[in-house]
Amino acid sequence: MAVSPRVFPPRKRWPSTGSSISPKFADLNLVKSLLSLSQEISALKPIQCLLIQKSLSTINKSKLLAIVFEELLRNPVSTSFSPSILLCFEEMYLVFQRIKTLMEDCCSGSKMWLLMRIQPLANSFHELTLELSTLLDIFPVNELDLSQDVEELFVLVRKHCFQSKPSVDPRDDSLRRDVLALLHQIKKEIVPHHLKLKQILDNLGLRDQSSCREEIECLQDEIQNQIDEKSKLDIASLIGLLRYAKCVLFGSSTTQLEPDHRRRNSLSEIAVPADFRCPISLELMRDPVVVASGQTYDRESINQWIESGHNTCPKTGQTLAHTNLIPNRALRNLIAMWCRQQRVPFETVGSNEKVSGVKATKAAFEATKMTVYFLVNKLSASPSMEAANAVTYELRALAKTDSDSRACIAEAGAIPILVRCLGSGVGSEHPNLQVNAVTTILNLSILEANKTRIMETDGALNGVIDVLRFGATWEAKGNAAATIFSLSGVHTYRKRLGRKTRVIKGLMDLAKDGPTNSKRDALVTILNLAGDRETVGRLVEGGVIETVIGVINVLPEEAVTILEAVVKRGGLVAIAEAYNSIKKLGVILMEGSDTARESAAASLVTICRKGGLEVVAELAAVPSIERIIWEVMGTGTMRARRKAAVLLRILRRWSAGLDTNDVVDSSVMSVGTLTTMLPA
């Protein structure tokens, strides 16, 4: 639901294994491989803006040596080489591999980070050139039958390699010092001069919004490539500087987020593994913890459960021996790895620490503050809706990045200004502005302190509810539902939201009529509200059971989990309403996922035990229901097996004419007892 700061995938390319392993080729194949490798290096373009002379010189040397290798392949007499020549060729192959890797990494990475490492990279080029020079010095060129022209080329390359120096281009070094000076100014809370910023970005080839955005992404990728903390902190400072420069130099952009940066790809369009979802919220766990029963939940969700007065495990029903929460670090690491692979935002709730472990530096924090105040002031003085939309989009993007950005945006007074962009009048004429405004509020609500700011800002909650009910687009409605979900994470706010008929009506309509993504947003929010017993009654009155039955084929896990919560807390009215769901729950028992089957079994147990003989008869009429229950007892989760055993006992007592209310929940039965009940 809520958007957290981005965490990026591992390095785009790692040095080839061939760069450190000597090739085992026959004589002719070895020369062919050297020719191919030298031609690949020759085809590379010089590094743009930085290290131009170093990269150009390396490419030219490769072109000249390629001519030597071509000559060797054209002369059949020269295809049988002495051991000393072969050894030189093998070592040369390794040097070429490392040169190629260095060139490609410099060309594909961040220009800003390349600039900060200009001296060690220049040294790397120099060291590789010296290694090549040594090989060319000891190479027995007289043993080869080369033409005079080609031999002269060989000698020329050797001479150029010998003359190599580890110096850095004065222009590159001056540019690096300018960037460091700007970071020092920002650290002292001195606003950088815009002309100086523009000059630096021009020299790096960053001349528009698009190139700046790509450079920021490259820097964020680089954070994941670093091992030492100092490098990560330096990159974080560069990101802050570049974000500020992008906004003040190139204005605000109305370009929509790229597909891999959209909230939908992060949450709704990617299938989250069942083991990574919290059994309570069904959301990706941010801080998984283990309770006394051995079950794992997201810390925020289980804390709310315990603070609501419960002393049982939500999943198993067991009484908790204690309420200590033990961090499940192994699972958290697995979730973090999965998020990196899927480019899914991931951040520990309530913490400013990303998965990478990087916290904001003083320079990065001050740059963020400067960016935020620039944008908020610009938004408050926007001369038109189009201009306001562009600035709001930038705030939306910035609010996704980290907790510091969210705090700064709220403290700068953005929320009351954003509320003005939520009205139906704005939505009808400028739907993108409404979407960007409500999504910015959603992103801000991730920070716990901002939940209070939003709830206490005049018109903010009503504005979000209005978008939920009457938003101009499904995206706006879905993000409004997501905002309500985020706000309901605070127990007192959940009760307050659950008392609002407009909230329940809006969520029901969205779940019934919206596209799949919006349906999921609505259902997860309904599930969160259903954690309060008083709200469950209002949900039942609002038609929640009919709603979830209507979407059970589209989103079975979410639907049956809500049904389980509602029939458990909703009393006889909920049980009566759930009568029509029995056959569909039987289908879920047979075809659903493990999570869905578990919730379906739990729902059926509650419905049958409280609904009387007529309800049990309806379940018994489901074709092959006993076989389906046996399958769940054999292959379902532990809790699903226990609930299935209860269902089977209920059915058998019903068929024998006995009272089904006397069936004991198998949660008190041992695993051994359940095992003996399974068919052979």
Foldseek 3Di string as FASTA:
>chain_A
DFFAAWAAAADPDDQDPLLPDFDDDQQLVLLVLLLVLLVVLLPDDAAPLFCRVLSVLSNVLSVLVSVVSVQQNVDPVNSDDDPLQVVLSRQVSSLSSVSVVLRVPSRPFALLVCLLCVLVSLVVSLVSLLSNLVSLVPRPPVVGPGDPVSVVSSVVSSVVSVPDDSDGDPVSNVLSVLVVVCLVCLLVVHDDDLVSLCVSCVSSVNHELVSLVVNLVRLSNVLNVDDDQVSNQVSLLVSLQSLLNRCVPHNFDLDDDDPLVDVCLQFPPDDDPQLQAFLQLRGGAQWWWAFQVRDIGRPLRVVLLVVVPDQADPQLRHGGPDGDTHTPVVSNVVSSNVCNVSRHRGDRQQDQAGPSRHHHDSSSLSSLLSSLLVLQVCLVVPPDPVSNLRSLQSLLVQLSRGLSNLVSNVVSPNQVSLLVCLDPVNQVVPVSSNLSSLSSLSSSLSHVVSLVVQVPDPNNLVSLLCCLARGNDLSSNLSSLSSLLSSVSDPVSLVVLLVDLSLLLSLLCQLQPPPPSSVVSSLSSLSSSLSDLVSLQVNVVSPLLVSLLNCCVPPVLSSLSSLLSSLVRVPPSSLVSCLVCLLVLLVCLQDNDLNSVLSSLSNLLSSDLRVDLVSLVSNVPRPPSLVSLLVCLVPHDPSSVQSSVLNVVLNVCSVVVHRSNPGDRSSPPDPVVSVVPHDD
